[in-house]
Amino acid sequence: SPVLRCRRAQLRLCLERLKGLVPLGAAAGRHTTLSLLTRARLHIQKLQDQERRALHQIEQLQREQRHLQRQLEKLGMERVRIDSIGSSLSSERSDSEQGES
């Protein structure tokens, strides 16, 4: 029937597109629909694993970035405190020097 032929043609077209997306290795020339679909499933699982690992690495890097940001802020506050101590010491010295004159 024409409807069935159309569906088969559409299925063949979809399988050809899938063949272009899935790495088939040495068996690229000869494959069955089942082997193509199996390889596609394995390829999708591999991509999902890579995505999970990438997301995990992003989370780790974000945690590390937050930690380093906190350390940087802490160092900045310590520097301000040290600078203020240094300036108060130098002003005390200049006060005492003026008293001696």
Protein backbone atom coordinates (compact mmCIF):
# COMPACT_ATOMS: atom_id res chain seq x y z
CA SER A 1 0.00 0.00 0.00
CA PRO A 2 1.20 3.58 -0.61
CA VAL A 3 1.04 4.47 3.09
CA LEU A 4 3.25 1.52 4.01
CA ARG A 5 5.74 2.38 1.24
CA CYS A 6 5.88 5.96 2.49
CA ARG A 7 6.54 4.80 6.05
CA ARG A 8 9.28 2.43 4.89
CA ALA A 9 10.91 5.21 2.88
CA GLN A 10 10.74 7.49 5.91
CA LEU A 11 12.24 4.78 8.11
CA ARG A 12 15.09 4.23 5.62
CA LEU A 13 15.75 7.98 5.54
CA CYS A 14 15.81 8.13 9.36
CA LEU A 15 18.18 5.16 9.53
CA GLU A 16 20.52 6.82 7.01
CA ARG A 17 20.51 10.00 9.10
CA LEU A 18 21.20 7.95 12.21
CA LYS A 19 24.10 6.26 10.43
CA GLY A 20 25.61 9.71 9.88
CA LEU A 21 25.32 10.57 13.58
CA VAL A 22 26.52 7.33 15.17
CA PRO A 23 30.18 6.27 14.91
CA LEU A 24 30.01 2.84 13.29
CA GLY A 25 33.70 1.97 13.20
CA ALA A 26 34.95 -0.70 10.80
CA ALA A 27 31.47 -2.13 10.21
CA ALA A 28 30.18 1.11 8.68
CA GLY A 29 29.46 -0.53 5.31
CA ARG A 30 27.46 -3.51 6.51
CA HIS A 31 25.04 -3.14 9.34
CA THR A 32 21.60 -4.30 10.24
CA THR A 33 18.90 -2.08 11.63
CA LEU A 34 19.34 -3.82 14.96
CA SER A 35 23.12 -3.29 15.02
CA LEU A 36 22.68 0.36 14.07
CA LEU A 37 20.10 0.91 16.81
CA THR A 38 22.29 -0.95 19.33
CA ARG A 39 25.29 1.21 18.42
CA ALA A 40 23.11 4.32 18.67
CA ARG A 41 21.94 3.31 22.14
CA LEU A 42 25.54 2.67 23.28
CA HIS A 43 26.65 5.98 21.78
CA ILE A 44 23.85 7.83 23.61
CA GLN A 45 24.83 6.13 26.89
CA LYS A 46 28.46 7.13 26.32
CA LEU A 47 27.44 10.75 25.67
CA GLN A 48 25.27 10.75 28.80
CA ASP A 49 28.21 9.43 30.86
CA GLN A 50 30.46 12.14 29.43
CA GLU A 51 27.82 14.75 30.24
CA ARG A 52 27.52 13.48 33.84
CA ARG A 53 31.29 13.59 34.27
CA ALA A 54 31.44 17.09 32.78
CA LEU A 55 28.67 18.32 35.09
CA HIS A 56 30.45 16.77 38.08
CA GLN A 57 33.69 18.49 37.07
CA ILE A 58 31.84 21.82 36.66
CA GLU A 59 30.41 21.44 40.18
CA GLN A 60 33.87 20.68 41.58
CA LEU A 61 35.37 23.69 39.82
CA GLN A 62 32.56 25.93 41.07
CA ARG A 63 33.17 24.74 44.65
CA GLU A 64 36.89 25.37 44.23
CA GLN A 65 36.18 28.82 42.78
CA ARG A 66 33.95 29.73 45.75
CA HIS A 67 36.64 28.51 48.16
CA LEU A 68 39.35 30.53 46.40
CA GLN A 69 37.05 33.57 46.30
CA ARG A 70 36.55 33.32 50.07
CA GLN A 71 40.32 33.01 50.58
CA LEU A 72 40.89 36.04 48.37
CA GLU A 73 38.33 38.07 50.31
CA LYS A 74 39.95 36.98 53.58
CA LEU A 75 43.38 38.04 52.29
CA GLY A 76 41.91 41.37 51.19
CA MET A 77 40.49 41.98 54.67
CA GLU A 78 43.81 41.02 56.30
CA ARG A 79 45.62 43.39 53.96
CA VAL A 80 43.27 46.24 54.88
CA ARG A 81 43.84 45.46 58.58
CA ILE A 82 47.63 45.35 58.11
CA ASP A 83 47.53 48.59 56.10
CA SER A 84 45.47 50.30 58.80
CA ILE A 85 47.86 49.04 61.52
CA GLY A 86 50.81 50.28 59.47
CA SER A 87 49.26 53.71 58.94
CA SER A 88 48.31 54.06 62.63
CA LEU A 89 51.87 53.11 63.62
CA SER A 90 53.36 55.66 61.23
CA SER A 91 50.99 58.37 62.50
CA GLU A 92 51.98 57.52 66.10
CA ARG A 93 55.63 57.83 65.12
CA SER A 94 55.09 61.20 63.49
CA ASP A 95 53.14 62.41 66.57
CA SER A 96 56.00 61.36 68.86
CA GLU A 97 58.56 62.95 66.54
CA GLN A 98 56.64 66.21 66.61
CA GLY A 99 56.53 66.10 70.42
CA GLU A 100 60.32 65.74 70.57
CA SER A 101 60.98 68.79 68.40
